[in-house]
Amino acid sequence: MPVTTLDGHQVHVNDEGFLTDPAEWDEDLAQALAAQIGLTLTDEHWAAIRFLRQDYADRGETATLRRISAVGGIPVKQLFVLFPQKPAKKMAYVAGLPKPQGCV
């Protein structure tokens, strides 16, 4: 796996730029990842990211939009506002998790 440096962090990534080791992630890195895709993280972003990371730790796979909405309590429309165009993919990227199953 390629290694890249983001904001002073050396991390392992796949060919799409997703972290391959979620343990390399921290909140400072999340800020840098978000900036790369044009996002400034707010408390609402952090709520989604923290849910996603906890759910991944519990289940071993990245949650889909439907799960984030149903279990995390964040409406899908709001996820599209927070993470425009491809919210599941962008959330996983910023959260340092694998791209969700079925995400292109």
N, C-alpha and C. Protein backbone atom coordinates (compact mmCIF):
# COMPACT_ATOMS: atom_id res chain seq x y z
N MET A 1 0.84 -1.19 0.00
CA MET A 1 0.00 0.00 0.00
C MET A 1 0.88 1.25 0.00
N PRO A 2 0.48 2.24 -0.78
CA PRO A 2 1.25 3.48 -0.80
C PRO A 2 1.19 4.21 0.54
N VAL A 3 2.23 4.93 0.83
CA VAL A 3 2.29 5.77 2.02
C VAL A 3 2.32 7.22 1.54
N THR A 4 1.54 8.07 2.17
CA THR A 4 1.53 9.48 1.83
C THR A 4 1.63 10.30 3.11
N THR A 5 1.98 11.55 2.96
CA THR A 5 2.05 12.44 4.12
C THR A 5 0.99 13.52 3.96
N LEU A 6 0.13 13.61 4.96
CA LEU A 6 -0.94 14.61 4.98
C LEU A 6 -0.81 15.42 6.27
N ASP A 7 -0.56 16.70 6.12
CA ASP A 7 -0.49 17.59 7.27
C ASP A 7 0.45 17.04 8.36
N GLY A 8 1.59 16.50 7.92
CA GLY A 8 2.58 15.98 8.85
C GLY A 8 2.34 14.56 9.32
N HIS A 9 1.26 13.92 8.89
CA HIS A 9 0.95 12.53 9.25
C HIS A 9 1.35 11.61 8.11
N GLN A 10 2.14 10.60 8.39
CA GLN A 10 2.40 9.57 7.38
C GLN A 10 1.33 8.50 7.52
N VAL A 11 0.58 8.27 6.44
CA VAL A 11 -0.52 7.31 6.48
C VAL A 11 -0.47 6.39 5.27
N HIS A 12 -1.01 5.20 5.45
CA HIS A 12 -1.14 4.23 4.36
C HIS A 12 -2.50 4.43 3.69
N VAL A 13 -2.48 4.52 2.37
CA VAL A 13 -3.72 4.76 1.62
C VAL A 13 -3.83 3.75 0.48
N ASN A 14 -5.07 3.59 -0.01
CA ASN A 14 -5.27 2.75 -1.19
C ASN A 14 -5.19 3.63 -2.44
N ASP A 15 -5.48 3.05 -3.59
CA ASP A 15 -5.35 3.80 -4.84
C ASP A 15 -6.36 4.93 -4.98
N GLU A 16 -7.41 4.95 -4.16
CA GLU A 16 -8.39 6.04 -4.18
C GLU A 16 -8.11 7.09 -3.10
N GLY A 17 -7.08 6.85 -2.28
CA GLY A 17 -6.73 7.81 -1.25
C GLY A 17 -7.36 7.55 0.11
N PHE A 18 -8.13 6.46 0.24
CA PHE A 18 -8.73 6.11 1.52
C PHE A 18 -7.68 5.48 2.43
N LEU A 19 -7.70 5.83 3.71
CA LEU A 19 -6.78 5.22 4.66
C LEU A 19 -7.03 3.71 4.70
N THR A 20 -5.96 2.94 4.77
CA THR A 20 -6.10 1.49 4.85
C THR A 20 -5.99 0.99 6.29
N ASP A 21 -5.57 1.86 7.19
CA ASP A 21 -5.48 1.51 8.61
C ASP A 21 -6.19 2.59 9.41
N PRO A 22 -7.44 2.34 9.83
CA PRO A 22 -8.20 3.34 10.58
C PRO A 22 -7.50 3.81 11.86
N ALA A 23 -6.56 3.02 12.38
CA ALA A 23 -5.84 3.41 13.60
C ALA A 23 -4.88 4.57 13.34
N GLU A 24 -4.55 4.84 12.09
CA GLU A 24 -3.67 5.97 11.77
C GLU A 24 -4.40 7.30 11.81
N TRP A 25 -5.71 7.28 11.92
CA TRP A 25 -6.55 8.46 11.90
C TRP A 25 -6.56 9.17 13.24
N ASP A 26 -6.64 10.49 13.22
CA ASP A 26 -6.97 11.27 14.41
C ASP A 26 -7.73 12.51 13.94
N GLU A 27 -8.21 13.30 14.89
CA GLU A 27 -9.06 14.43 14.52
C GLU A 27 -8.31 15.51 13.74
N ASP A 28 -7.01 15.67 14.00
CA ASP A 28 -6.23 16.63 13.22
C ASP A 28 -6.14 16.17 11.77
N LEU A 29 -5.93 14.88 11.57
CA LEU A 29 -5.88 14.34 10.22
C LEU A 29 -7.23 14.52 9.54
N ALA A 30 -8.32 14.33 10.28
CA ALA A 30 -9.65 14.52 9.71
C ALA A 30 -9.81 15.93 9.16
N GLN A 31 -9.29 16.92 9.88
CA GLN A 31 -9.37 18.31 9.41
C GLN A 31 -8.63 18.45 8.08
N ALA A 32 -7.45 17.83 7.98
CA ALA A 32 -6.66 17.90 6.75
C ALA A 32 -7.37 17.18 5.60
N LEU A 33 -7.94 16.01 5.88
CA LEU A 33 -8.66 15.27 4.86
C LEU A 33 -9.88 16.06 4.37
N ALA A 34 -10.59 16.67 5.31
CA ALA A 34 -11.76 17.47 4.95
C ALA A 34 -11.36 18.65 4.08
N ALA A 35 -10.28 19.32 4.44
CA ALA A 35 -9.82 20.47 3.66
C ALA A 35 -9.49 20.05 2.23
N GLN A 36 -8.94 18.85 2.06
CA GLN A 36 -8.60 18.36 0.72
C GLN A 36 -9.82 18.25 -0.19
N ILE A 37 -10.99 18.02 0.40
CA ILE A 37 -12.20 17.90 -0.42
C ILE A 37 -13.11 19.12 -0.26
N GLY A 38 -12.55 20.19 0.27
CA GLY A 38 -13.27 21.46 0.33
C GLY A 38 -14.25 21.61 1.47
N LEU A 39 -14.07 20.86 2.56
CA LEU A 39 -14.98 20.95 3.70
C LEU A 39 -14.28 21.58 4.91
N THR A 40 -15.05 22.35 5.65
CA THR A 40 -14.63 22.84 6.95
C THR A 40 -15.56 22.17 7.95
N LEU A 41 -14.99 21.41 8.88
CA LEU A 41 -15.81 20.60 9.78
C LEU A 41 -16.46 21.42 10.88
N THR A 42 -17.77 21.19 11.04
CA THR A 42 -18.57 21.81 12.09
C THR A 42 -18.96 20.73 13.09
N ASP A 43 -19.66 21.13 14.15
CA ASP A 43 -20.13 20.15 15.13
C ASP A 43 -21.03 19.09 14.47
N GLU A 44 -21.81 19.50 13.48
CA GLU A 44 -22.68 18.54 12.79
C GLU A 44 -21.86 17.51 12.01
N HIS A 45 -20.80 17.98 11.36
CA HIS A 45 -19.91 17.05 10.66
C HIS A 45 -19.32 16.05 11.66
N TRP A 46 -18.85 16.58 12.79
CA TRP A 46 -18.21 15.73 13.79
C TRP A 46 -19.17 14.68 14.33
N ALA A 47 -20.45 15.04 14.49
CA ALA A 47 -21.43 14.06 14.98
C ALA A 47 -21.51 12.88 14.00
N ALA A 48 -21.55 13.18 12.71
CA ALA A 48 -21.62 12.11 11.71
C ALA A 48 -20.33 11.30 11.69
N ILE A 49 -19.20 11.97 11.75
CA ILE A 49 -17.90 11.28 11.72
C ILE A 49 -17.73 10.38 12.95
N ARG A 50 -18.08 10.89 14.10
CA ARG A 50 -17.94 10.08 15.33
C ARG A 50 -18.87 8.89 15.32
N PHE A 51 -20.10 9.09 14.81
CA PHE A 51 -21.01 7.94 14.69
C PHE A 51 -20.39 6.90 13.76
N LEU A 52 -19.90 7.36 12.61
CA LEU A 52 -19.34 6.45 11.62
C LEU A 52 -18.17 5.65 12.20
N ARG A 53 -17.28 6.31 12.92
CA ARG A 53 -16.12 5.61 13.49
C ARG A 53 -16.54 4.62 14.57
N GLN A 54 -17.48 5.01 15.42
CA GLN A 54 -17.94 4.10 16.48
C GLN A 54 -18.66 2.90 15.87
N ASP A 55 -19.50 3.16 14.87
CA ASP A 55 -20.23 2.08 14.22
C ASP A 55 -19.25 1.12 13.53
N TYR A 56 -18.21 1.67 12.92
CA TYR A 56 -17.19 0.82 12.28
C TYR A 56 -16.48 -0.04 13.33
N ALA A 57 -16.16 0.56 14.46
CA ALA A 57 -15.49 -0.19 15.54
C ALA A 57 -16.38 -1.32 16.04
N ASP A 58 -17.68 -1.07 16.10
CA ASP A 58 -18.63 -2.07 16.60
C ASP A 58 -18.92 -3.18 15.57
N ARG A 59 -19.02 -2.81 14.28
CA ARG A 59 -19.49 -3.73 13.26
C ARG A 59 -18.43 -4.21 12.29
N GLY A 60 -17.32 -3.48 12.19
CA GLY A 60 -16.26 -3.89 11.28
C GLY A 60 -16.47 -3.54 9.83
N GLU A 61 -17.47 -2.71 9.54
CA GLU A 61 -17.68 -2.23 8.18
C GLU A 61 -18.22 -0.81 8.23
N THR A 62 -17.96 -0.07 7.17
CA THR A 62 -18.39 1.33 7.12
C THR A 62 -19.90 1.39 6.87
N ALA A 63 -20.59 2.16 7.68
CA ALA A 63 -22.04 2.28 7.58
C ALA A 63 -22.47 2.95 6.27
N THR A 64 -23.62 2.54 5.78
CA THR A 64 -24.23 3.16 4.60
C THR A 64 -25.00 4.41 5.04
N LEU A 65 -25.41 5.21 4.07
CA LEU A 65 -26.22 6.39 4.38
C LEU A 65 -27.49 6.00 5.13
N ARG A 66 -28.12 4.93 4.69
CA ARG A 66 -29.35 4.48 5.34
C ARG A 66 -29.11 4.18 6.81
N ARG A 67 -28.02 3.51 7.12
CA ARG A 67 -27.71 3.18 8.52
C ARG A 67 -27.38 4.44 9.33
N ILE A 68 -26.63 5.34 8.75
CA ILE A 68 -26.28 6.58 9.45
C ILE A 68 -27.55 7.35 9.78
N SER A 69 -28.49 7.36 8.85
CA SER A 69 -29.75 8.05 9.08
C SER A 69 -30.61 7.33 10.12
N ALA A 70 -30.80 6.02 9.92
CA ALA A 70 -31.69 5.25 10.80
C ALA A 70 -31.13 5.08 12.20
N VAL A 71 -29.86 4.71 12.30
CA VAL A 71 -29.27 4.42 13.61
C VAL A 71 -28.60 5.66 14.21
N GLY A 72 -27.94 6.44 13.36
CA GLY A 72 -27.23 7.63 13.83
C GLY A 72 -28.14 8.82 14.04
N GLY A 73 -29.35 8.77 13.46
CA GLY A 73 -30.32 9.83 13.66
C GLY A 73 -30.05 11.11 12.87
N ILE A 74 -29.27 11.00 11.81
CA ILE A 74 -29.00 12.18 10.98
C ILE A 74 -29.73 12.00 9.66
N PRO A 75 -30.71 12.86 9.37
CA PRO A 75 -31.49 12.69 8.13
C PRO A 75 -30.60 12.69 6.88
N VAL A 76 -30.97 11.87 5.91
CA VAL A 76 -30.19 11.76 4.68
C VAL A 76 -30.04 13.12 4.01
N LYS A 77 -31.10 13.92 4.00
CA LYS A 77 -31.01 15.25 3.39
C LYS A 77 -29.92 16.08 4.06
N GLN A 78 -29.81 15.98 5.37
CA GLN A 78 -28.79 16.73 6.09
C GLN A 78 -27.38 16.21 5.75
N LEU A 79 -27.26 14.92 5.54
CA LEU A 79 -25.96 14.35 5.16
C LEU A 79 -25.51 14.90 3.80
N PHE A 80 -26.47 15.09 2.89
CA PHE A 80 -26.14 15.67 1.59
C PHE A 80 -25.76 17.14 1.71
N VAL A 81 -26.31 17.84 2.70
CA VAL A 81 -25.92 19.23 2.94
C VAL A 81 -24.50 19.28 3.52
N LEU A 82 -24.23 18.41 4.48
CA LEU A 82 -22.93 18.41 5.15
C LEU A 82 -21.81 17.90 4.24
N PHE A 83 -22.09 16.87 3.47
CA PHE A 83 -21.10 16.22 2.60
C PHE A 83 -21.68 16.17 1.18
N PRO A 84 -21.66 17.29 0.46
CA PRO A 84 -22.35 17.39 -0.83
C PRO A 84 -21.90 16.35 -1.86
N GLN A 85 -22.85 15.96 -2.68
CA GLN A 85 -22.70 15.08 -3.85
C GLN A 85 -22.53 13.60 -3.50
N LYS A 86 -21.52 13.23 -2.77
CA LYS A 86 -21.30 11.81 -2.45
C LYS A 86 -21.06 11.69 -0.94
N PRO A 87 -22.11 11.86 -0.14
CA PRO A 87 -21.90 11.93 1.31
C PRO A 87 -21.29 10.68 1.93
N ALA A 88 -21.69 9.49 1.53
CA ALA A 88 -21.15 8.28 2.15
C ALA A 88 -19.66 8.17 1.89
N LYS A 89 -19.27 8.42 0.67
CA LYS A 89 -17.86 8.33 0.29
C LYS A 89 -17.04 9.41 1.01
N LYS A 90 -17.55 10.63 1.04
CA LYS A 90 -16.83 11.74 1.67
C LYS A 90 -16.72 11.55 3.18
N MET A 91 -17.80 11.08 3.81
CA MET A 91 -17.76 10.83 5.26
C MET A 91 -16.72 9.77 5.59
N ALA A 92 -16.72 8.68 4.83
CA ALA A 92 -15.76 7.61 5.09
C ALA A 92 -14.33 8.11 4.90
N TYR A 93 -14.11 8.91 3.87
CA TYR A 93 -12.78 9.46 3.59
C TYR A 93 -12.29 10.31 4.77
N VAL A 94 -13.12 11.23 5.21
CA VAL A 94 -12.74 12.12 6.31
C VAL A 94 -12.60 11.35 7.62
N ALA A 95 -13.42 10.32 7.81
CA ALA A 95 -13.37 9.53 9.04
C ALA A 95 -12.24 8.50 9.03
N GLY A 96 -11.51 8.42 7.93
CA GLY A 96 -10.37 7.49 7.86
C GLY A 96 -10.79 6.04 7.77
N LEU A 97 -11.95 5.79 7.14
CA LEU A 97 -12.49 4.44 7.05
C LEU A 97 -12.57 3.98 5.60
N PRO A 98 -12.74 2.67 5.38
CA PRO A 98 -12.90 2.18 4.01
C PRO A 98 -14.18 2.74 3.39
N LYS A 99 -14.16 2.84 2.08
CA LYS A 99 -15.35 3.26 1.36
C LYS A 99 -16.47 2.26 1.63
N PRO A 100 -17.71 2.74 1.86
CA PRO A 100 -18.81 1.81 2.15
C PRO A 100 -19.06 0.84 0.99
N GLN A 101 -19.54 -0.36 1.31
CA GLN A 101 -19.89 -1.35 0.30
C GLN A 101 -20.94 -0.75 -0.63
N GLY A 102 -20.81 -1.00 -1.91
CA GLY A 102 -21.79 -0.52 -2.88
C GLY A 102 -21.55 0.91 -3.31
N CYS A 103 -20.58 1.58 -2.76
CA CYS A 103 -20.27 2.97 -3.10
C CYS A 103 -19.34 2.96 -4.30
N VAL A 104 -19.68 3.70 -5.35
CA VAL A 104 -18.83 3.73 -6.55
C VAL A 104 -17.88 4.91 -6.54
